[in-house]
Amino acid sequence: MAEDVSEDTLDSALGLLLNVSKVLLENVQQEAAVSLEGLVPYKITTLFGLITAGADFYHSIGVKKKSEAEDVWKKPYHNAALKQKVEELRQLEAQWDSFLQTVDEGLQTTDLRLSGTESTSLSLDTELLDGRSGRAVTLGQFLQPDQKLLLVLIRHVG
């Protein structure tokens, strides 16, 4: 249960999340420097490691949402080492956001590109990249009648 998380467990979980996230960011930044166009279709799997690291962190401290994790680390916030790791995590989150914004700008992909205005929904003709095959497909090709579909939009992780 999240209320029972020891400071040592939280410290260890935060440390692991920070280390993995930093390494992943460094790797994906190097890959983007080589080829921004090749990053999305061939190297995007790097970001799956970030998803796994975040899920492992949540599981290790017994929470399911970011707000619950924040509640857990607020309790021992008097601990200077934990406070520093939380601040590092916030800075790392900002670095990831900045990097992904740079990728979006470099590839000229924004919400405005989809329809000319900021999108709140997507047309069935919206082109996507199939992460499994690398093929360009439309949203309509994924949808089946009476089927619920989970789309993972990598840009919005975190």
C-alpha atoms as a PDB file:
ATOM      1  CA  MET A   1       0.000   0.000   0.000  1.00  0.00           C
ATOM      2  CA  ALA A   2       1.276   3.455  -0.864  1.00  0.00           C
ATOM      3  CA  GLU A   3       0.965   4.766   2.698  1.00  0.00           C
ATOM      4  CA  ASP A   4       3.402   2.121   3.930  1.00  0.00           C
ATOM      5  CA  VAL A   5       6.293   2.989   1.621  1.00  0.00           C
ATOM      6  CA  SER A   6       9.516   3.343   3.556  1.00  0.00           C
ATOM      7  CA  GLU A   7      11.922   6.159   2.846  1.00  0.00           C
ATOM      8  CA  ASP A   8      14.520   3.596   1.751  1.00  0.00           C
ATOM      9  CA  THR A   9      12.107   2.027  -0.747  1.00  0.00           C
ATOM     10  CA  LEU A  10      11.145   5.436  -2.105  1.00  0.00           C
ATOM     11  CA  ASP A  11      14.793   6.505  -2.292  1.00  0.00           C
ATOM     12  CA  SER A  12      15.747   3.343  -4.150  1.00  0.00           C
ATOM     13  CA  ALA A  13      12.780   3.542  -6.545  1.00  0.00           C
ATOM     14  CA  LEU A  14      13.419   7.219  -7.316  1.00  0.00           C
ATOM     15  CA  GLY A  15      17.116   6.546  -7.861  1.00  0.00           C
ATOM     16  CA  LEU A  16      16.402   3.737 -10.308  1.00  0.00           C
ATOM     17  CA  LEU A  17      13.818   5.789 -12.194  1.00  0.00           C
ATOM     18  CA  LEU A  18      16.232   8.727 -12.443  1.00  0.00           C
ATOM     19  CA  ASN A  19      19.149   6.600 -13.627  1.00  0.00           C
ATOM     20  CA  VAL A  20      17.155   4.726 -16.271  1.00  0.00           C
ATOM     21  CA  SER A  21      15.423   7.887 -17.488  1.00  0.00           C
ATOM     22  CA  LYS A  22      18.719   9.792 -17.788  1.00  0.00           C
ATOM     23  CA  VAL A  23      20.352   6.985 -19.765  1.00  0.00           C
ATOM     24  CA  LEU A  24      17.336   6.692 -22.060  1.00  0.00           C
ATOM     25  CA  LEU A  25      17.292  10.453 -22.641  1.00  0.00           C
ATOM     26  CA  GLU A  26      21.010  10.510 -23.438  1.00  0.00           C
ATOM     27  CA  ASN A  27      20.611   7.590 -25.853  1.00  0.00           C
ATOM     28  CA  VAL A  28      17.608   9.028 -27.674  1.00  0.00           C
ATOM     29  CA  GLN A  29      19.277  12.439 -27.922  1.00  0.00           C
ATOM     30  CA  GLN A  30      22.308  10.799 -29.558  1.00  0.00           C
ATOM     31  CA  GLU A  31      20.049   8.889 -31.944  1.00  0.00           C
ATOM     32  CA  ALA A  32      18.165  12.082 -32.813  1.00  0.00           C
ATOM     33  CA  ALA A  33      21.444  13.859 -33.503  1.00  0.00           C
ATOM     34  CA  VAL A  34      22.308  11.173 -36.067  1.00  0.00           C
ATOM     35  CA  SER A  35      18.947  11.237 -37.838  1.00  0.00           C
ATOM     36  CA  LEU A  36      15.788  12.929 -36.670  1.00  0.00           C
ATOM     37  CA  GLU A  37      13.822  11.386 -39.536  1.00  0.00           C
ATOM     38  CA  GLY A  38      15.060   7.899 -38.604  1.00  0.00           C
ATOM     39  CA  LEU A  39      14.262   8.389 -34.933  1.00  0.00           C
ATOM     40  CA  VAL A  40      10.518   7.891 -35.115  1.00  0.00           C
ATOM     41  CA  PRO A  41      10.199   4.857 -37.375  1.00  0.00           C
ATOM     42  CA  TYR A  42      13.312   3.006 -36.209  1.00  0.00           C
ATOM     43  CA  LYS A  43      14.398   4.226 -32.782  1.00  0.00           C
ATOM     44  CA  ILE A  44      11.143   5.124 -31.028  1.00  0.00           C
ATOM     45  CA  THR A  45      11.327   1.870 -29.067  1.00  0.00           C
ATOM     46  CA  THR A  46      13.811   3.674 -26.810  1.00  0.00           C
ATOM     47  CA  LEU A  47      10.796   5.418 -25.302  1.00  0.00           C
ATOM     48  CA  PHE A  48       9.197   2.107 -24.360  1.00  0.00           C
ATOM     49  CA  GLY A  49      11.974   1.794 -21.794  1.00  0.00           C
ATOM     50  CA  LEU A  50      10.752   5.046 -20.258  1.00  0.00           C
ATOM     51  CA  ILE A  51       7.217   3.673 -20.039  1.00  0.00           C
ATOM     52  CA  THR A  52       8.525   0.514 -18.356  1.00  0.00           C
ATOM     53  CA  ALA A  53      10.689   2.497 -15.920  1.00  0.00           C
ATOM     54  CA  GLY A  54       7.725   4.657 -14.923  1.00  0.00           C
ATOM     55  CA  ALA A  55       5.460   1.628 -14.489  1.00  0.00           C
ATOM     56  CA  ASP A  56       8.101  -0.143 -12.398  1.00  0.00           C
ATOM     57  CA  PHE A  57       8.467   2.962 -10.232  1.00  0.00           C
ATOM     58  CA  TYR A  58       4.717   3.209  -9.637  1.00  0.00           C
ATOM     59  CA  HIS A  59       4.509  -0.500  -8.859  1.00  0.00           C
ATOM     60  CA  SER A  60       7.435  -0.388  -6.425  1.00  0.00           C
ATOM     61  CA  ILE A  61       5.796   2.338  -4.351  1.00  0.00           C
ATOM     62  CA  GLY A  62       2.278   0.910  -4.681  1.00  0.00           C
ATOM     63  CA  VAL A  63       0.557   3.616  -6.731  1.00  0.00           C
ATOM     64  CA  LYS A  64      -1.157   3.864 -10.098  1.00  0.00           C
ATOM     65  CA  LYS A  65      -1.102   7.588 -10.867  1.00  0.00           C
ATOM     66  CA  LYS A  66       1.381  10.434 -10.804  1.00  0.00           C
ATOM     67  CA  SER A  67      -0.713  12.324  -8.266  1.00  0.00           C
ATOM     68  CA  GLU A  68      -0.558   9.308  -5.925  1.00  0.00           C
ATOM     69  CA  ALA A  69       3.233   9.142  -6.333  1.00  0.00           C
ATOM     70  CA  GLU A  70       3.463  12.842  -5.493  1.00  0.00           C
ATOM     71  CA  ASP A  71       1.429  12.208  -2.332  1.00  0.00           C
ATOM     72  CA  VAL A  72       3.852   9.433  -1.349  1.00  0.00           C
ATOM     73  CA  TRP A  73       6.956  11.562  -1.713  1.00  0.00           C
ATOM     74  CA  LYS A  74       5.410  14.568   0.049  1.00  0.00           C
ATOM     75  CA  LYS A  75       5.365  12.707   3.367  1.00  0.00           C
ATOM     76  CA  PRO A  76       9.138  12.266   3.750  1.00  0.00           C
ATOM     77  CA  TYR A  77       9.913  15.563   2.008  1.00  0.00           C
ATOM     78  CA  HIS A  78      11.958  16.579   5.055  1.00  0.00           C
ATOM     79  CA  ASN A  79      14.562  14.032   3.923  1.00  0.00           C
ATOM     80  CA  ALA A  80      17.129  16.097   1.981  1.00  0.00           C
ATOM     81  CA  ALA A  81      18.233  13.201  -0.251  1.00  0.00           C
ATOM     82  CA  LEU A  82      14.644  12.387  -1.238  1.00  0.00           C
ATOM     83  CA  LYS A  83      13.849  16.044  -1.799  1.00  0.00           C
ATOM     84  CA  GLN A  84      16.868  16.327  -4.110  1.00  0.00           C
ATOM     85  CA  LYS A  85      15.794  13.239  -6.101  1.00  0.00           C
ATOM     86  CA  VAL A  86      12.270  14.590  -6.490  1.00  0.00           C
ATOM     87  CA  GLU A  87      13.701  17.869  -7.785  1.00  0.00           C
ATOM     88  CA  GLU A  88      15.992  15.947 -10.155  1.00  0.00           C
ATOM     89  CA  LEU A  89      12.973  14.020 -11.406  1.00  0.00           C
ATOM     90  CA  ARG A  90      11.106  17.252 -12.087  1.00  0.00           C
ATOM     91  CA  GLN A  91      14.119  18.655 -13.957  1.00  0.00           C
ATOM     92  CA  LEU A  92      14.441  15.437 -15.943  1.00  0.00           C
ATOM     93  CA  GLU A  93      10.756  15.609 -16.839  1.00  0.00           C
ATOM     94  CA  ALA A  94      11.341  19.133 -18.161  1.00  0.00           C
ATOM     95  CA  GLN A  95      14.363  17.908 -20.158  1.00  0.00           C
ATOM     96  CA  TRP A  96      12.270  15.126 -21.720  1.00  0.00           C
ATOM     97  CA  ASP A  97       9.521  17.615 -22.566  1.00  0.00           C
ATOM     98  CA  SER A  98      12.058  19.960 -24.135  1.00  0.00           C
ATOM     99  CA  PHE A  99      13.651  17.164 -26.145  1.00  0.00           C
ATOM    100  CA  LEU A 100      10.291  15.906 -27.422  1.00  0.00           C
ATOM    101  CA  GLN A 101       9.268  19.467 -28.316  1.00  0.00           C
ATOM    102  CA  THR A 102      12.501  19.797 -30.298  1.00  0.00           C
ATOM    103  CA  VAL A 103      11.725  16.538 -32.113  1.00  0.00           C
ATOM    104  CA  ASP A 104       8.194  17.763 -32.863  1.00  0.00           C
ATOM    105  CA  GLU A 105       9.555  21.034 -34.237  1.00  0.00           C
ATOM    106  CA  GLY A 106      12.310  19.305 -36.194  1.00  0.00           C
ATOM    107  CA  LEU A 107       9.831  16.967 -37.821  1.00  0.00           C
ATOM    108  CA  GLN A 108       7.294  19.774 -38.109  1.00  0.00           C
ATOM    109  CA  THR A 109       4.653  17.769 -36.253  1.00  0.00           C
ATOM    110  CA  THR A 110       2.262  19.633 -34.034  1.00  0.00           C
ATOM    111  CA  ASP A 111      -1.412  19.414 -33.139  1.00  0.00           C
ATOM    112  CA  LEU A 112      -1.968  22.208 -35.645  1.00  0.00           C
ATOM    113  CA  ARG A 113      -0.643  20.062 -38.494  1.00  0.00           C
ATOM    114  CA  LEU A 114      -3.468  17.547 -38.175  1.00  0.00           C
ATOM    115  CA  SER A 115      -6.311  19.853 -39.094  1.00  0.00           C
ATOM    116  CA  GLY A 116      -5.067  23.416 -39.262  1.00  0.00           C
ATOM    117  CA  THR A 117      -6.321  24.165 -35.751  1.00  0.00           C
ATOM    118  CA  GLU A 118      -5.581  22.593 -32.401  1.00  0.00           C
ATOM    119  CA  SER A 119      -7.172  19.169 -32.435  1.00  0.00           C
ATOM    120  CA  THR A 120      -9.521  17.793 -29.814  1.00  0.00           C
ATOM    121  CA  SER A 121     -10.488  14.782 -31.926  1.00  0.00           C
ATOM    122  CA  LEU A 122      -9.008  12.966 -34.879  1.00  0.00           C
ATOM    123  CA  SER A 123     -10.466  12.194 -38.280  1.00  0.00           C
ATOM    124  CA  LEU A 124     -10.527   8.577 -39.449  1.00  0.00           C
ATOM    125  CA  ASP A 125      -8.271   9.779 -42.295  1.00  0.00           C
ATOM    126  CA  THR A 126      -5.556  10.909 -39.888  1.00  0.00           C
ATOM    127  CA  GLU A 127      -2.285   9.277 -40.894  1.00  0.00           C
ATOM    128  CA  LEU A 128      -0.392   7.398 -38.205  1.00  0.00           C
ATOM    129  CA  LEU A 129       2.724   5.284 -38.101  1.00  0.00           C
ATOM    130  CA  ASP A 130       2.129   1.635 -37.225  1.00  0.00           C
ATOM    131  CA  GLY A 131       4.719   0.968 -34.534  1.00  0.00           C
ATOM    132  CA  ARG A 132       4.860  -2.744 -35.340  1.00  0.00           C
ATOM    133  CA  SER A 133       5.288  -2.619 -39.091  1.00  0.00           C
ATOM    134  CA  GLY A 134       6.594   0.920 -39.629  1.00  0.00           C
ATOM    135  CA  ARG A 135       3.921   1.426 -42.322  1.00  0.00           C
ATOM    136  CA  ALA A 136       1.863   4.583 -42.679  1.00  0.00           C
ATOM    137  CA  VAL A 137      -1.787   3.806 -41.932  1.00  0.00           C
ATOM    138  CA  THR A 138      -4.954   5.751 -41.219  1.00  0.00           C
ATOM    139  CA  LEU A 139      -6.803   5.766 -37.943  1.00  0.00           C
ATOM    140  CA  GLY A 140      -9.792   4.236 -39.742  1.00  0.00           C
ATOM    141  CA  GLN A 141      -7.722   1.179 -40.645  1.00  0.00           C
ATOM    142  CA  PHE A 142      -7.241   0.438 -36.955  1.00  0.00           C
ATOM    143  CA  LEU A 143     -10.848   0.874 -35.894  1.00  0.00           C
ATOM    144  CA  GLN A 144     -13.307  -1.997 -36.045  1.00  0.00           C
ATOM    145  CA  PRO A 145     -17.048  -1.704 -35.261  1.00  0.00           C
ATOM    146  CA  ASP A 146     -17.828  -2.367 -31.585  1.00  0.00           C
ATOM    147  CA  GLN A 147     -14.128  -2.553 -30.724  1.00  0.00           C
ATOM    148  CA  LYS A 148     -12.366  -0.379 -28.191  1.00  0.00           C
ATOM    149  CA  LEU A 149      -8.881   0.603 -29.223  1.00  0.00           C
ATOM    150  CA  LEU A 150      -6.006   1.682 -27.031  1.00  0.00           C
ATOM    151  CA  LEU A 151      -3.706   4.051 -28.884  1.00  0.00           C
ATOM    152  CA  VAL A 152      -0.355   4.789 -27.326  1.00  0.00           C
ATOM    153  CA  LEU A 153       0.693   8.296 -28.219  1.00  0.00           C
ATOM    154  CA  ILE A 154       4.325   8.295 -27.202  1.00  0.00           C
ATOM    155  CA  ARG A 155       4.598  12.071 -27.068  1.00  0.00           C
ATOM    156  CA  HIS A 156       2.254  12.250 -24.109  1.00  0.00           C
ATOM    157  CA  VAL A 157       4.050   9.826 -21.814  1.00  0.00           C
ATOM    158  CA  GLY A 158       5.130  11.258 -18.523  1.00  0.00           C
END
